[in-house]
Amino acid sequence: MMEKTLWHPVALAQEVVHAPLAVRLLEQELVLWRDLAGEVRAFVDRCPHRGARLSMGRVSGDRLECPYHGWQFASDGHCAQVPAVPEFVPPPAHCVRSFAVQEAYGLVWVQLEAADTPLPVFAAEGDDKLRKVLCGPYDVAASAPRIIENFLDMSHFGFVHEGWLGSRDATAMAPYQVENTPTGVKATNCKAVQPQSNLHSTAAAEVHYTYEVTDPYTALLNKLPEEGTSKEGWYESIGLFICPVTPESSRVWFRLAVADFETPDEKLQAFQHTIFVQDQPVLESQQPKCLPLDPRAELHSAADRMSSAYRRYLKSRGVSFGVC
């Protein structure tokens, strides 16, 4: 499964502090914990001794302790101590499987199979002129590709987000351009008239978006400055990062990069929350829950150019989790 060689977000970095944390990725149960050096570690959430969940245990110094018999595992997964037999020196085979971990964009990322695969790109992260705010997680009963495709779609704005991102009086979509990139697909010159495109909108305005898929389960939105806002030169970039939990369920985060340094995080998060919870019931209603890659499985229009390109991209990458 090629998806195991990708990097996936599994938790907020700030959640992994003093206690083990259970997460799930690609139907695999994992436990996250921090060692004394502050590095996050990811193990299979199953003690190799008698199968208890390690996430029910505790962090003891620089080791993860099983809740059942107290077996302790070092940061590399090797068993360092068996309390019932203190003189026993565990051999290398006494270990729990561990996985590669990185921290980026305020999240913990895990790779289930070693490969020379880079993290998904979020270029705005390195822009000091933009403030970063995380939103989520959202647990959604929909496949990761369905959620990505919804994020790339502007033609639902006037119906799902009426009065916010769209209006029933302005549903026609102007032609936009789609191109393949080294990391995915990109749509440019995407335009829409929006009643309230952001927290600071004071009037309806035509917005210009660029959408980009940089990984099978990652998408970015870059929004150009517009008229009708109280923030001169207001600009934002949004990263959508998805953990594919099962083929039909996902955990979702949004990473906002905005030029607004005054508004409290809670207000920015509340705006994003309003938009996504409008999407969520529609996403969870879609059948099949997995995204069909056969172009004959669903009907299409010219407005679906980007989503069709995304489906072709998934097929070309050999993605099999969350698609059908």
C-alpha atoms as a PDB file:
ATOM      1  CA  MET A   1       0.000   0.000   0.000  1.00  0.00           C
ATOM      2  CA  MET A   2       1.760   3.160  -1.203  1.00  0.00           C
ATOM      3  CA  GLU A   3      -0.128   5.273   1.325  1.00  0.00           C
ATOM      4  CA  LYS A   4       2.065   3.811   4.080  1.00  0.00           C
ATOM      5  CA  THR A   5       5.110   5.516   2.543  1.00  0.00           C
ATOM      6  CA  LEU A   6       3.450   8.956   2.811  1.00  0.00           C
ATOM      7  CA  TRP A   7       3.630  11.257   5.823  1.00  0.00           C
ATOM      8  CA  HIS A   8       0.285  11.662   7.588  1.00  0.00           C
ATOM      9  CA  PRO A   9      -0.841  14.043  10.367  1.00  0.00           C
ATOM     10  CA  VAL A  10      -2.072  12.156  13.414  1.00  0.00           C
ATOM     11  CA  ALA A  11      -2.272  14.653  16.317  1.00  0.00           C
ATOM     12  CA  LEU A  12      -1.700  18.200  17.461  1.00  0.00           C
ATOM     13  CA  ALA A  13       1.904  18.484  18.601  1.00  0.00           C
ATOM     14  CA  GLN A  14       0.776  20.176  21.831  1.00  0.00           C
ATOM     15  CA  GLU A  15      -1.346  17.118  22.702  1.00  0.00           C
ATOM     16  CA  VAL A  16       1.711  14.897  23.049  1.00  0.00           C
ATOM     17  CA  VAL A  17       3.070  16.066  26.386  1.00  0.00           C
ATOM     18  CA  HIS A  18       3.479  13.911  29.513  1.00  0.00           C
ATOM     19  CA  ALA A  19       1.220  10.925  28.840  1.00  0.00           C
ATOM     20  CA  PRO A  20       0.930   8.429  25.984  1.00  0.00           C
ATOM     21  CA  LEU A  21      -1.657   9.322  23.332  1.00  0.00           C
ATOM     22  CA  ALA A  22      -3.621   6.801  21.272  1.00  0.00           C
ATOM     23  CA  VAL A  23      -4.170   7.628  17.578  1.00  0.00           C
ATOM     24  CA  ARG A  24      -5.238   5.695  14.507  1.00  0.00           C
ATOM     25  CA  LEU A  25      -3.804   5.874  10.994  1.00  0.00           C
ATOM     26  CA  LEU A  26      -4.675   3.748   7.964  1.00  0.00           C
ATOM     27  CA  GLU A  27      -6.545   1.365  10.305  1.00  0.00           C
ATOM     28  CA  GLN A  28      -3.379   0.950  12.406  1.00  0.00           C
ATOM     29  CA  GLU A  29      -3.594   1.629  16.156  1.00  0.00           C
ATOM     30  CA  LEU A  30      -0.621   3.734  17.307  1.00  0.00           C
ATOM     31  CA  VAL A  31       0.622   5.286  20.536  1.00  0.00           C
ATOM     32  CA  LEU A  32       2.516   8.584  20.633  1.00  0.00           C
ATOM     33  CA  TRP A  33       4.776   9.730  23.497  1.00  0.00           C
ATOM     34  CA  ARG A  34       7.688  12.103  24.165  1.00  0.00           C
ATOM     35  CA  ASP A  35      11.071  10.994  25.445  1.00  0.00           C
ATOM     36  CA  LEU A  36      13.327  13.047  27.726  1.00  0.00           C
ATOM     37  CA  ALA A  37      14.880  14.789  24.713  1.00  0.00           C
ATOM     38  CA  GLY A  38      11.425  16.072  23.761  1.00  0.00           C
ATOM     39  CA  GLU A  39      11.225  13.871  20.655  1.00  0.00           C
ATOM     40  CA  VAL A  40       7.854  12.342  19.786  1.00  0.00           C
ATOM     41  CA  ARG A  41       7.906   8.572  19.343  1.00  0.00           C
ATOM     42  CA  ALA A  42       5.311   6.413  17.585  1.00  0.00           C
ATOM     43  CA  PHE A  43       4.822   2.720  18.413  1.00  0.00           C
ATOM     44  CA  VAL A  44       2.240   0.101  17.557  1.00  0.00           C
ATOM     45  CA  ASP A  45      -0.331   0.418  20.335  1.00  0.00           C
ATOM     46  CA  ARG A  46       0.097  -3.183  21.447  1.00  0.00           C
ATOM     47  CA  CYS A  47       2.546  -4.617  23.936  1.00  0.00           C
ATOM     48  CA  PRO A  48       4.352  -7.588  22.352  1.00  0.00           C
ATOM     49  CA  HIS A  49       4.195  -9.434  25.682  1.00  0.00           C
ATOM     50  CA  ARG A  50       0.441  -9.952  26.199  1.00  0.00           C
ATOM     51  CA  GLY A  51      -1.177  -7.525  23.793  1.00  0.00           C
ATOM     52  CA  ALA A  52      -2.283  -4.759  26.174  1.00  0.00           C
ATOM     53  CA  ARG A  53      -2.645  -1.242  24.804  1.00  0.00           C
ATOM     54  CA  LEU A  54       0.505   0.721  25.530  1.00  0.00           C
ATOM     55  CA  SER A  55      -1.487   3.962  25.375  1.00  0.00           C
ATOM     56  CA  MET A  56      -3.043   2.912  28.698  1.00  0.00           C
ATOM     57  CA  GLY A  57       0.398   2.935  30.302  1.00  0.00           C
ATOM     58  CA  ARG A  58       2.649   5.795  31.299  1.00  0.00           C
ATOM     59  CA  VAL A  59       5.907   7.487  30.379  1.00  0.00           C
ATOM     60  CA  SER A  60       8.565   6.595  32.947  1.00  0.00           C
ATOM     61  CA  GLY A  61      11.683   8.678  32.470  1.00  0.00           C
ATOM     62  CA  ASP A  62      12.898   7.922  28.984  1.00  0.00           C
ATOM     63  CA  ARG A  63      10.744   4.835  28.516  1.00  0.00           C
ATOM     64  CA  LEU A  64       7.146   3.881  27.754  1.00  0.00           C
ATOM     65  CA  GLU A  65       5.732   1.531  30.380  1.00  0.00           C
ATOM     66  CA  CYS A  66       3.061  -1.076  29.612  1.00  0.00           C
ATOM     67  CA  PRO A  67       0.019  -0.845  31.952  1.00  0.00           C
ATOM     68  CA  TYR A  68      -0.281  -4.639  32.332  1.00  0.00           C
ATOM     69  CA  HIS A  69       3.074  -6.028  33.525  1.00  0.00           C
ATOM     70  CA  GLY A  70       5.181  -2.866  33.517  1.00  0.00           C
ATOM     71  CA  TRP A  71       7.462  -3.861  30.654  1.00  0.00           C
ATOM     72  CA  GLN A  72       9.417  -0.765  29.677  1.00  0.00           C
ATOM     73  CA  PHE A  73      10.345   0.167  26.113  1.00  0.00           C
ATOM     74  CA  ALA A  74      13.091   2.602  25.121  1.00  0.00           C
ATOM     75  CA  SER A  75      12.648   5.282  22.486  1.00  0.00           C
ATOM     76  CA  ASP A  76      13.826   2.898  19.736  1.00  0.00           C
ATOM     77  CA  GLY A  77      11.172   0.334  20.728  1.00  0.00           C
ATOM     78  CA  HIS A  78      13.563  -2.130  22.369  1.00  0.00           C
ATOM     79  CA  CYS A  79      12.411  -3.613  25.663  1.00  0.00           C
ATOM     80  CA  ALA A  80      14.691  -2.228  28.356  1.00  0.00           C
ATOM     81  CA  GLN A  81      13.232  -3.877  31.463  1.00  0.00           C
ATOM     82  CA  VAL A  82      10.967  -6.741  32.539  1.00  0.00           C
ATOM     83  CA  PRO A  83      10.077  -5.960  36.192  1.00  0.00           C
ATOM     84  CA  ALA A  84       9.054  -9.526  37.044  1.00  0.00           C
ATOM     85  CA  VAL A  85      12.535 -10.753  36.053  1.00  0.00           C
ATOM     86  CA  PRO A  86      14.828  -7.823  36.928  1.00  0.00           C
ATOM     87  CA  GLU A  87      18.044  -9.694  36.111  1.00  0.00           C
ATOM     88  CA  PHE A  88      16.831 -10.605  32.608  1.00  0.00           C
ATOM     89  CA  VAL A  89      18.481  -8.718  29.726  1.00  0.00           C
ATOM     90  CA  PRO A  90      15.907  -8.563  26.901  1.00  0.00           C
ATOM     91  CA  PRO A  91      17.339  -9.576  23.496  1.00  0.00           C
ATOM     92  CA  PRO A  92      16.835  -7.402  20.374  1.00  0.00           C
ATOM     93  CA  ALA A  93      13.770  -9.454  19.397  1.00  0.00           C
ATOM     94  CA  HIS A  94      11.996  -8.191  22.505  1.00  0.00           C
ATOM     95  CA  CYS A  95      10.726  -4.951  20.992  1.00  0.00           C
ATOM     96  CA  VAL A  96       7.669  -3.080  19.835  1.00  0.00           C
ATOM     97  CA  ARG A  97       7.445  -1.832  16.270  1.00  0.00           C
ATOM     98  CA  SER A  98       8.235   1.866  15.927  1.00  0.00           C
ATOM     99  CA  PHE A  99       7.641   4.359  13.115  1.00  0.00           C
ATOM    100  CA  ALA A 100       9.260   7.503  11.757  1.00  0.00           C
ATOM    101  CA  VAL A 101       7.901  10.759  13.215  1.00  0.00           C
ATOM    102  CA  GLN A 102       8.201  14.451  12.332  1.00  0.00           C
ATOM    103  CA  GLU A 103       6.673  17.607  13.766  1.00  0.00           C
ATOM    104  CA  ALA A 104       5.555  20.271  11.295  1.00  0.00           C
ATOM    105  CA  TYR A 105       2.774  22.859  10.936  1.00  0.00           C
ATOM    106  CA  GLY A 106       1.833  22.343  14.590  1.00  0.00           C
ATOM    107  CA  LEU A 107       1.083  18.651  13.964  1.00  0.00           C
ATOM    108  CA  VAL A 108       2.742  15.290  14.528  1.00  0.00           C
ATOM    109  CA  TRP A 109       3.296  13.362  11.280  1.00  0.00           C
ATOM    110  CA  VAL A 110       3.887   9.606  11.014  1.00  0.00           C
ATOM    111  CA  GLN A 111       5.175   7.410   8.180  1.00  0.00           C
ATOM    112  CA  LEU A 112       4.236   3.726   8.470  1.00  0.00           C
ATOM    113  CA  GLU A 113       6.783   2.408   5.949  1.00  0.00           C
ATOM    114  CA  ALA A 114      10.236   3.888   5.515  1.00  0.00           C
ATOM    115  CA  ALA A 115      10.703   5.723   2.210  1.00  0.00           C
ATOM    116  CA  ASP A 116      12.409   8.837   0.928  1.00  0.00           C
ATOM    117  CA  THR A 117       9.144  10.763   0.840  1.00  0.00           C
ATOM    118  CA  PRO A 118       9.016  14.473   1.753  1.00  0.00           C
ATOM    119  CA  LEU A 119       6.378  16.072   3.938  1.00  0.00           C
ATOM    120  CA  PRO A 120       3.525  17.793   2.080  1.00  0.00           C
ATOM    121  CA  VAL A 121       4.429  21.385   1.245  1.00  0.00           C
ATOM    122  CA  PHE A 122       2.792  24.362   2.990  1.00  0.00           C
ATOM    123  CA  ALA A 123       4.818  27.301   1.689  1.00  0.00           C
ATOM    124  CA  ALA A 124       3.023  29.898   3.838  1.00  0.00           C
ATOM    125  CA  GLU A 125       4.447  28.286   6.975  1.00  0.00           C
ATOM    126  CA  GLY A 126       7.774  30.016   6.367  1.00  0.00           C
ATOM    127  CA  ASP A 127       6.271  33.468   5.757  1.00  0.00           C
ATOM    128  CA  ASP A 128       6.818  35.540   8.903  1.00  0.00           C
ATOM    129  CA  LYS A 129       4.291  38.122   7.678  1.00  0.00           C
ATOM    130  CA  LEU A 130       1.530  35.560   8.097  1.00  0.00           C
ATOM    131  CA  ARG A 131       0.233  34.381  11.458  1.00  0.00           C
ATOM    132  CA  LYS A 132      -0.462  30.645  11.814  1.00  0.00           C
ATOM    133  CA  VAL A 133      -3.570  29.230  13.507  1.00  0.00           C
ATOM    134  CA  LEU A 134      -4.658  25.580  13.657  1.00  0.00           C
ATOM    135  CA  CYS A 135      -8.303  24.569  13.465  1.00  0.00           C
ATOM    136  CA  GLY A 136      -9.566  21.140  14.426  1.00  0.00           C
ATOM    137  CA  PRO A 137      -9.432  18.267  14.633  1.00  0.00           C
ATOM    138  CA  TYR A 138     -12.708  17.284  13.025  1.00  0.00           C
ATOM    139  CA  ASP A 139     -13.673  13.610  12.958  1.00  0.00           C
ATOM    140  CA  VAL A 140     -15.600  13.019   9.764  1.00  0.00           C
ATOM    141  CA  ALA A 141     -17.425   9.937   8.497  1.00  0.00           C
ATOM    142  CA  ALA A 142     -16.113  10.434   4.975  1.00  0.00           C
ATOM    143  CA  SER A 143     -13.057   9.287   3.072  1.00  0.00           C
ATOM    144  CA  ALA A 144     -10.051  11.588   2.900  1.00  0.00           C
ATOM    145  CA  PRO A 145     -10.296  11.962  -0.916  1.00  0.00           C
ATOM    146  CA  ARG A 146     -13.969  12.994  -0.681  1.00  0.00           C
ATOM    147  CA  ILE A 147     -12.980  15.711   1.805  1.00  0.00           C
ATOM    148  CA  ILE A 148     -10.125  16.949  -0.399  1.00  0.00           C
ATOM    149  CA  GLU A 149     -12.407  17.074  -3.428  1.00  0.00           C
ATOM    150  CA  ASN A 150     -14.981  19.118  -1.501  1.00  0.00           C
ATOM    151  CA  PHE A 151     -12.251  21.594  -0.514  1.00  0.00           C
ATOM    152  CA  LEU A 152     -11.307  22.019  -4.197  1.00  0.00           C
ATOM    153  CA  ASP A 153     -14.908  22.583  -5.307  1.00  0.00           C
ATOM    154  CA  MET A 154     -16.318  26.128  -5.637  1.00  0.00           C
ATOM    155  CA  SER A 155     -19.622  25.291  -7.334  1.00  0.00           C
ATOM    156  CA  HIS A 156     -21.244  24.248  -4.039  1.00  0.00           C
ATOM    157  CA  PHE A 157     -20.651  27.650  -2.387  1.00  0.00           C
ATOM    158  CA  GLY A 158     -24.038  29.151  -3.287  1.00  0.00           C
ATOM    159  CA  PHE A 159     -25.902  26.187  -1.815  1.00  0.00           C
ATOM    160  CA  VAL A 160     -23.953  24.727   1.121  1.00  0.00           C
ATOM    161  CA  HIS A 161     -22.440  28.080   2.190  1.00  0.00           C
ATOM    162  CA  GLU A 162     -25.241  30.439   1.111  1.00  0.00           C
ATOM    163  CA  GLY A 163     -24.788  33.869   2.675  1.00  0.00           C
ATOM    164  CA  TRP A 164     -21.192  33.097   3.593  1.00  0.00           C
ATOM    165  CA  LEU A 165     -19.051  31.927   0.685  1.00  0.00           C
ATOM    166  CA  GLY A 166     -21.726  32.103  -1.995  1.00  0.00           C
ATOM    167  CA  SER A 167     -25.154  33.149  -3.149  1.00  0.00           C
ATOM    168  CA  ARG A 168     -27.875  31.443  -5.191  1.00  0.00           C
ATOM    169  CA  ASP A 169     -27.946  34.599  -7.301  1.00  0.00           C
ATOM    170  CA  ALA A 170     -24.341  34.123  -8.440  1.00  0.00           C
ATOM    171  CA  THR A 171     -23.640  30.447  -9.019  1.00  0.00           C
ATOM    172  CA  ALA A 172     -22.116  30.584 -12.509  1.00  0.00           C
ATOM    173  CA  MET A 173     -18.424  29.718 -12.501  1.00  0.00           C
ATOM    174  CA  ALA A 174     -15.980  31.454 -14.815  1.00  0.00           C
ATOM    175  CA  PRO A 175     -13.491  29.197 -16.623  1.00  0.00           C
ATOM    176  CA  TYR A 176     -10.355  28.438 -14.662  1.00  0.00           C
ATOM    177  CA  GLN A 177      -7.087  26.736 -15.509  1.00  0.00           C
ATOM    178  CA  VAL A 178      -5.790  23.382 -14.247  1.00  0.00           C
ATOM    179  CA  GLU A 179      -2.251  22.104 -14.569  1.00  0.00           C
ATOM    180  CA  ASN A 180      -0.158  19.208 -13.348  1.00  0.00           C
ATOM    181  CA  THR A 181       2.717  20.026 -10.992  1.00  0.00           C
ATOM    182  CA  PRO A 182       5.683  17.973  -9.752  1.00  0.00           C
ATOM    183  CA  THR A 183       3.757  17.241  -6.529  1.00  0.00           C
ATOM    184  CA  GLY A 184       0.150  17.132  -7.715  1.00  0.00           C
ATOM    185  CA  VAL A 185      -2.341  19.386  -9.485  1.00  0.00           C
ATOM    186  CA  LYS A 186      -3.089  23.118  -9.376  1.00  0.00           C
ATOM    187  CA  ALA A 187      -6.058  25.309 -10.327  1.00  0.00           C
ATOM    188  CA  THR A 188      -5.552  29.030 -10.996  1.00  0.00           C
ATOM    189  CA  ASN A 189      -7.769  32.011 -11.775  1.00  0.00           C
ATOM    190  CA  CYS A 190     -10.627  30.571  -9.690  1.00  0.00           C
ATOM    191  CA  LYS A 191     -13.188  33.334  -9.122  1.00  0.00           C
ATOM    192  CA  ALA A 192     -16.328  33.651  -7.035  1.00  0.00           C
ATOM    193  CA  VAL A 193     -18.517  36.416  -5.649  1.00  0.00           C
ATOM    194  CA  GLN A 194     -18.743  35.889  -1.907  1.00  0.00           C
ATOM    195  CA  PRO A 195     -20.985  37.679   0.639  1.00  0.00           C
ATOM    196  CA  GLN A 196     -18.487  37.059   3.484  1.00  0.00           C
ATOM    197  CA  SER A 197     -15.275  35.453   2.327  1.00  0.00           C
ATOM    198  CA  ASN A 198     -13.479  36.055   5.623  1.00  0.00           C
ATOM    199  CA  LEU A 199     -13.938  37.389   9.118  1.00  0.00           C
ATOM    200  CA  HIS A 200     -13.255  40.986   8.049  1.00  0.00           C
ATOM    201  CA  SER A 201     -15.391  41.254   4.916  1.00  0.00           C
ATOM    202  CA  THR A 202     -17.594  44.340   4.934  1.00  0.00           C
ATOM    203  CA  ALA A 203     -19.295  43.756   1.578  1.00  0.00           C
ATOM    204  CA  ALA A 204     -19.684  41.116  -1.098  1.00  0.00           C
ATOM    205  CA  ALA A 205     -16.565  40.821  -3.222  1.00  0.00           C
ATOM    206  CA  GLU A 206     -15.152  38.822  -6.066  1.00  0.00           C
ATOM    207  CA  VAL A 207     -12.365  36.641  -4.728  1.00  0.00           C
ATOM    208  CA  HIS A 208      -9.517  35.043  -6.637  1.00  0.00           C
ATOM    209  CA  TYR A 209      -8.322  31.666  -5.381  1.00  0.00           C
ATOM    210  CA  THR A 210      -5.554  29.271  -6.278  1.00  0.00           C
ATOM    211  CA  TYR A 211      -6.069  25.656  -5.264  1.00  0.00           C
ATOM    212  CA  GLU A 212      -3.268  23.110  -5.138  1.00  0.00           C
ATOM    213  CA  VAL A 213      -3.014  19.448  -4.197  1.00  0.00           C
ATOM    214  CA  THR A 214       0.512  18.737  -2.933  1.00  0.00           C
ATOM    215  CA  ASP A 215      -0.061  15.206  -1.616  1.00  0.00           C
ATOM    216  CA  PRO A 216      -2.920  12.678  -1.950  1.00  0.00           C
ATOM    217  CA  TYR A 217      -4.499  13.848   1.325  1.00  0.00           C
ATOM    218  CA  THR A 218      -3.273  17.461   1.445  1.00  0.00           C
ATOM    219  CA  ALA A 219      -4.656  20.538  -0.325  1.00  0.00           C
ATOM    220  CA  LEU A 220      -3.866  24.238  -0.172  1.00  0.00           C
ATOM    221  CA  LEU A 221      -5.888  27.363  -0.890  1.00  0.00           C
ATOM    222  CA  ASN A 222      -4.184  30.679  -1.560  1.00  0.00           C
ATOM    223  CA  LYS A 223      -6.411  33.723  -1.548  1.00  0.00           C
ATOM    224  CA  LEU A 224      -5.360  36.915  -3.301  1.00  0.00           C
ATOM    225  CA  PRO A 225      -6.036  40.383  -1.791  1.00  0.00           C
ATOM    226  CA  GLU A 226      -9.485  41.716  -2.565  1.00  0.00           C
ATOM    227  CA  GLU A 227     -11.661  44.781  -2.280  1.00  0.00           C
ATOM    228  CA  GLY A 228     -14.433  44.938   0.292  1.00  0.00           C
ATOM    229  CA  THR A 229     -12.378  44.109   3.379  1.00  0.00           C
ATOM    230  CA  SER A 230     -11.410  46.240   6.334  1.00  0.00           C
ATOM    231  CA  LYS A 231      -7.882  44.809   6.160  1.00  0.00           C
ATOM    232  CA  GLU A 232      -5.902  46.531   3.432  1.00  0.00           C
ATOM    233  CA  GLY A 233      -3.917  43.957   1.514  1.00  0.00           C
ATOM    234  CA  TRP A 234      -5.599  41.184   3.520  1.00  0.00           C
ATOM    235  CA  TYR A 235      -4.326  37.782   2.439  1.00  0.00           C
ATOM    236  CA  GLU A 236      -4.544  34.210   3.588  1.00  0.00           C
ATOM    237  CA  SER A 237      -3.427  30.709   2.819  1.00  0.00           C
ATOM    238  CA  ILE A 238      -5.224  27.645   4.145  1.00  0.00           C
ATOM    239  CA  GLY A 239      -3.739  24.186   4.385  1.00  0.00           C
ATOM    240  CA  LEU A 240      -6.063  21.178   4.641  1.00  0.00           C
ATOM    241  CA  PHE A 241      -4.305  18.231   6.280  1.00  0.00           C
ATOM    242  CA  ILE A 242      -6.137  14.916   6.608  1.00  0.00           C
ATOM    243  CA  CYS A 243      -5.375  11.762   8.557  1.00  0.00           C
ATOM    244  CA  PRO A 244      -7.004   8.810   6.730  1.00  0.00           C
ATOM    245  CA  VAL A 245      -8.221   6.792   9.720  1.00  0.00           C
ATOM    246  CA  THR A 246     -10.180   4.152   7.798  1.00  0.00           C
ATOM    247  CA  PRO A 247     -11.194   4.046   4.124  1.00  0.00           C
ATOM    248  CA  GLU A 248     -14.445   5.770   5.110  1.00  0.00           C
ATOM    249  CA  SER A 249     -13.475   7.983   8.051  1.00  0.00           C
ATOM    250  CA  SER A 250     -10.947  10.771   8.564  1.00  0.00           C
ATOM    251  CA  ARG A 251      -9.521  13.276  11.025  1.00  0.00           C
ATOM    252  CA  VAL A 252      -9.170  16.789   9.618  1.00  0.00           C
ATOM    253  CA  TRP A 253      -7.119  19.878  10.457  1.00  0.00           C
ATOM    254  CA  PHE A 254      -6.952  23.316   8.822  1.00  0.00           C
ATOM    255  CA  ARG A 255      -3.830  25.472   9.101  1.00  0.00           C
ATOM    256  CA  LEU A 256      -4.588  29.171   8.601  1.00  0.00           C
ATOM    257  CA  ALA A 257      -1.859  31.590   7.549  1.00  0.00           C
ATOM    258  CA  VAL A 258      -3.267  35.124   7.798  1.00  0.00           C
ATOM    259  CA  ALA A 259      -2.021  38.696   7.926  1.00  0.00           C
ATOM    260  CA  ASP A 260      -4.372  39.393  10.840  1.00  0.00           C
ATOM    261  CA  PHE A 261      -2.380  39.597  14.076  1.00  0.00           C
ATOM    262  CA  GLU A 262      -5.120  41.254  16.157  1.00  0.00           C
ATOM    263  CA  THR A 263      -8.139  38.936  16.066  1.00  0.00           C
ATOM    264  CA  PRO A 264      -8.087  36.240  18.776  1.00  0.00           C
ATOM    265  CA  ASP A 265      -7.444  32.686  17.635  1.00  0.00           C
ATOM    266  CA  GLU A 266     -10.911  31.709  18.816  1.00  0.00           C
ATOM    267  CA  LYS A 267     -12.622  34.074  16.354  1.00  0.00           C
ATOM    268  CA  LEU A 268     -10.560  32.901  13.402  1.00  0.00           C
ATOM    269  CA  GLN A 269     -11.214  29.301  14.370  1.00  0.00           C
ATOM    270  CA  ALA A 270     -14.932  29.990  14.802  1.00  0.00           C
ATOM    271  CA  PHE A 271     -15.202  31.316  11.235  1.00  0.00           C
ATOM    272  CA  GLN A 272     -13.457  28.248   9.826  1.00  0.00           C
ATOM    273  CA  HIS A 273     -15.604  26.046  12.060  1.00  0.00           C
ATOM    274  CA  THR A 274     -18.791  27.608  10.710  1.00  0.00           C
ATOM    275  CA  ILE A 275     -17.756  26.855   7.143  1.00  0.00           C
ATOM    276  CA  PHE A 276     -16.650  23.276   7.746  1.00  0.00           C
ATOM    277  CA  VAL A 277     -19.664  22.179   9.783  1.00  0.00           C
ATOM    278  CA  GLN A 278     -21.788  23.298   6.839  1.00  0.00           C
ATOM    279  CA  ASP A 279     -19.776  20.924   4.649  1.00  0.00           C
ATOM    280  CA  GLN A 280     -19.646  18.007   7.063  1.00  0.00           C
ATOM    281  CA  PRO A 281     -23.226  16.630   6.839  1.00  0.00           C
ATOM    282  CA  VAL A 282     -23.138  16.799   3.044  1.00  0.00           C
ATOM    283  CA  LEU A 283     -19.775  15.015   2.970  1.00  0.00           C
ATOM    284  CA  GLU A 284     -21.064  12.311   5.298  1.00  0.00           C
ATOM    285  CA  SER A 285     -24.137  11.804   3.100  1.00  0.00           C
ATOM    286  CA  GLN A 286     -22.189  11.026  -0.075  1.00  0.00           C
ATOM    287  CA  GLN A 287     -22.410   7.536  -1.535  1.00  0.00           C
ATOM    288  CA  PRO A 288     -20.200   5.726  -2.033  1.00  0.00           C
ATOM    289  CA  LYS A 289     -18.150   7.089   0.835  1.00  0.00           C
ATOM    290  CA  CYS A 290     -14.950   6.236  -1.024  1.00  0.00           C
ATOM    291  CA  LEU A 291     -14.109   8.431  -4.024  1.00  0.00           C
ATOM    292  CA  PRO A 292     -14.752   6.725  -7.381  1.00  0.00           C
ATOM    293  CA  LEU A 293     -11.787   6.954  -9.757  1.00  0.00           C
ATOM    294  CA  ASP A 294     -13.641   5.495 -12.751  1.00  0.00           C
ATOM    295  CA  PRO A 295     -14.820   8.587 -14.700  1.00  0.00           C
ATOM    296  CA  ARG A 296     -18.018   6.717 -15.622  1.00  0.00           C
ATOM    297  CA  ALA A 297     -19.051   6.195 -11.994  1.00  0.00           C
ATOM    298  CA  GLU A 298     -20.415   9.752 -11.520  1.00  0.00           C
ATOM    299  CA  LEU A 299     -21.525  12.564 -13.806  1.00  0.00           C
ATOM    300  CA  HIS A 300     -19.340  15.624 -14.414  1.00  0.00           C
ATOM    301  CA  SER A 301     -19.536  19.199 -15.710  1.00  0.00           C
ATOM    302  CA  ALA A 302     -16.976  21.775 -16.821  1.00  0.00           C
ATOM    303  CA  ALA A 303     -17.046  23.177 -13.264  1.00  0.00           C
ATOM    304  CA  ASP A 304     -15.545  19.886 -12.056  1.00  0.00           C
ATOM    305  CA  ARG A 305     -12.282  20.280 -13.954  1.00  0.00           C
ATOM    306  CA  MET A 306     -10.130  20.401 -10.814  1.00  0.00           C
ATOM    307  CA  SER A 307     -11.811  17.464  -9.088  1.00  0.00           C
ATOM    308  CA  SER A 308     -11.450  15.370 -12.244  1.00  0.00           C
ATOM    309  CA  ALA A 309      -7.755  16.245 -12.354  1.00  0.00           C
ATOM    310  CA  TYR A 310      -7.443  15.242  -8.684  1.00  0.00           C
ATOM    311  CA  ARG A 311      -9.011  11.856  -9.413  1.00  0.00           C
ATOM    312  CA  ARG A 312      -6.609  11.268 -12.290  1.00  0.00           C
ATOM    313  CA  TYR A 313      -3.723  12.259 -10.006  1.00  0.00           C
ATOM    314  CA  LEU A 314      -4.792   9.728  -7.340  1.00  0.00           C
ATOM    315  CA  LYS A 315      -5.007   7.015  -9.990  1.00  0.00           C
ATOM    316  CA  SER A 316      -1.566   7.881 -11.372  1.00  0.00           C
ATOM    317  CA  ARG A 317      -0.058   7.711  -7.855  1.00  0.00           C
ATOM    318  CA  GLY A 318      -1.582   4.298  -7.226  1.00  0.00           C
ATOM    319  CA  VAL A 319      -3.629   5.487  -4.259  1.00  0.00           C
ATOM    320  CA  SER A 320      -5.982   2.766  -3.019  1.00  0.00           C
ATOM    321  CA  PHE A 321      -7.065   3.916   0.477  1.00  0.00           C
ATOM    322  CA  GLY A 322     -10.344   5.849   0.447  1.00  0.00           C
ATOM    323  CA  VAL A 323     -10.993   5.387  -3.271  1.00  0.00           C
ATOM    324  CA  CYS A 324     -12.947   2.847  -5.296  1.00  0.00           C
END
